[in-house]
Amino acid sequence: MAAASLAIPTILAATALDLTKASYAFTAIEWTWLTVGFAASFISAYFAIKWFIKFVKTNTLIPFGIYRI
């Protein structure tokens, strides 16, 4: 969990740097598509994580662990 919390600011900073470098090359429609893509990925990730947390609370991951071994 600590690694993820350390990676998030780094990834955000790298993304912000790339966007500022390329911001003059983007048209208005490209910014719109970037915003739509971000919103769609955020919403789908939110529901996927919500479903997975519910799944883990009611089930076990032992079969997955055996599969991985």
C-alpha atoms as a PDB file:
ATOM      1  CA  MET A   1       0.000   0.000   0.000  1.00  0.00           C
ATOM      2  CA  ALA A   2       2.841   2.397   0.743  1.00  0.00           C
ATOM      3  CA  ALA A   3       4.342   1.875  -2.696  1.00  0.00           C
ATOM      4  CA  ALA A   4       1.063   2.840  -4.351  1.00  0.00           C
ATOM      5  CA  SER A   5       0.754   5.953  -2.212  1.00  0.00           C
ATOM      6  CA  LEU A   6       4.288   6.948  -3.201  1.00  0.00           C
ATOM      7  CA  ALA A   7       3.714   6.224  -6.885  1.00  0.00           C
ATOM      8  CA  ILE A   8       0.558   8.315  -7.276  1.00  0.00           C
ATOM      9  CA  PRO A   9       2.187  11.755  -6.826  1.00  0.00           C
ATOM     10  CA  THR A  10       5.071  10.733  -9.086  1.00  0.00           C
ATOM     11  CA  ILE A  11       2.731   9.543 -11.837  1.00  0.00           C
ATOM     12  CA  LEU A  12       0.591  12.676 -11.510  1.00  0.00           C
ATOM     13  CA  ALA A  13       3.657  14.916 -11.713  1.00  0.00           C
ATOM     14  CA  ALA A  14       4.987  13.087 -14.779  1.00  0.00           C
ATOM     15  CA  THR A  15       1.585  13.344 -16.454  1.00  0.00           C
ATOM     16  CA  ALA A  16       1.329  17.043 -15.642  1.00  0.00           C
ATOM     17  CA  LEU A  17       4.810  17.621 -17.059  1.00  0.00           C
ATOM     18  CA  ASP A  18       3.965  15.759 -20.281  1.00  0.00           C
ATOM     19  CA  LEU A  19       0.698  17.669 -20.638  1.00  0.00           C
ATOM     20  CA  THR A  20       2.386  21.032 -20.139  1.00  0.00           C
ATOM     21  CA  LYS A  21       5.032  20.133 -22.725  1.00  0.00           C
ATOM     22  CA  ALA A  22       2.399  19.056 -25.264  1.00  0.00           C
ATOM     23  CA  SER A  23      -0.349  21.512 -24.341  1.00  0.00           C
ATOM     24  CA  TYR A  24       0.334  23.805 -27.285  1.00  0.00           C
ATOM     25  CA  ALA A  25       0.088  20.884 -29.708  1.00  0.00           C
ATOM     26  CA  PHE A  26      -3.406  19.865 -28.538  1.00  0.00           C
ATOM     27  CA  THR A  27      -6.505  21.209 -30.219  1.00  0.00           C
ATOM     28  CA  ALA A  28      -9.727  21.903 -28.343  1.00  0.00           C
ATOM     29  CA  ILE A  29     -11.265  18.627 -29.530  1.00  0.00           C
ATOM     30  CA  GLU A  30      -8.218  16.692 -28.304  1.00  0.00           C
ATOM     31  CA  TRP A  31      -8.563  18.290 -24.854  1.00  0.00           C
ATOM     32  CA  THR A  32     -12.238  17.284 -24.924  1.00  0.00           C
ATOM     33  CA  TRP A  33     -11.354  13.675 -25.786  1.00  0.00           C
ATOM     34  CA  LEU A  34      -8.686  13.648 -23.081  1.00  0.00           C
ATOM     35  CA  THR A  35     -11.241  14.845 -20.520  1.00  0.00           C
ATOM     36  CA  VAL A  36     -13.855  12.323 -21.654  1.00  0.00           C
ATOM     37  CA  GLY A  37     -11.290   9.503 -21.534  1.00  0.00           C
ATOM     38  CA  PHE A  38     -10.180  10.515 -18.049  1.00  0.00           C
ATOM     39  CA  ALA A  39     -13.773  10.649 -16.786  1.00  0.00           C
ATOM     40  CA  ALA A  40     -14.657   7.281 -18.340  1.00  0.00           C
ATOM     41  CA  SER A  41     -11.589   5.571 -16.905  1.00  0.00           C
ATOM     42  CA  PHE A  42     -12.178   7.109 -13.472  1.00  0.00           C
ATOM     43  CA  ILE A  43     -15.817   5.976 -13.373  1.00  0.00           C
ATOM     44  CA  SER A  44     -15.059   2.448 -14.593  1.00  0.00           C
ATOM     45  CA  ALA A  45     -12.146   2.081 -12.146  1.00  0.00           C
ATOM     46  CA  TYR A  46     -14.327   3.317  -9.282  1.00  0.00           C
ATOM     47  CA  PHE A  47     -17.008   0.709  -9.941  1.00  0.00           C
ATOM     48  CA  ALA A  48     -14.460  -2.060 -10.568  1.00  0.00           C
ATOM     49  CA  ILE A  49     -12.733  -1.377  -7.246  1.00  0.00           C
ATOM     50  CA  LYS A  50     -16.067  -1.103  -5.453  1.00  0.00           C
ATOM     51  CA  TRP A  51     -17.150  -4.481  -6.884  1.00  0.00           C
ATOM     52  CA  PHE A  52     -13.801  -6.104  -6.035  1.00  0.00           C
ATOM     53  CA  ILE A  53     -13.887  -4.906  -2.429  1.00  0.00           C
ATOM     54  CA  LYS A  54     -17.401  -6.332  -2.067  1.00  0.00           C
ATOM     55  CA  PHE A  55     -16.226  -9.590  -3.663  1.00  0.00           C
ATOM     56  CA  VAL A  56     -13.253  -9.904  -1.287  1.00  0.00           C
ATOM     57  CA  LYS A  57     -15.482  -9.282   1.740  1.00  0.00           C
ATOM     58  CA  THR A  58     -17.772 -12.190   0.794  1.00  0.00           C
ATOM     59  CA  ASN A  59     -15.298 -14.571  -0.900  1.00  0.00           C
ATOM     60  CA  THR A  60     -11.758 -15.767  -0.517  1.00  0.00           C
ATOM     61  CA  LEU A  61      -8.855 -15.491  -2.906  1.00  0.00           C
ATOM     62  CA  ILE A  62      -7.460 -18.942  -2.085  1.00  0.00           C
ATOM     63  CA  PRO A  63      -8.261 -20.384  -5.548  1.00  0.00           C
ATOM     64  CA  PHE A  64      -6.404 -17.476  -7.132  1.00  0.00           C
ATOM     65  CA  GLY A  65      -3.448 -18.058  -4.794  1.00  0.00           C
ATOM     66  CA  ILE A  66      -3.346 -21.738  -5.736  1.00  0.00           C
ATOM     67  CA  TYR A  67      -3.541 -20.804  -9.410  1.00  0.00           C
ATOM     68  CA  ARG A  68      -0.610 -18.416  -9.004  1.00  0.00           C
ATOM     69  CA  ILE A  69       1.541 -21.072  -7.304  1.00  0.00           C
END
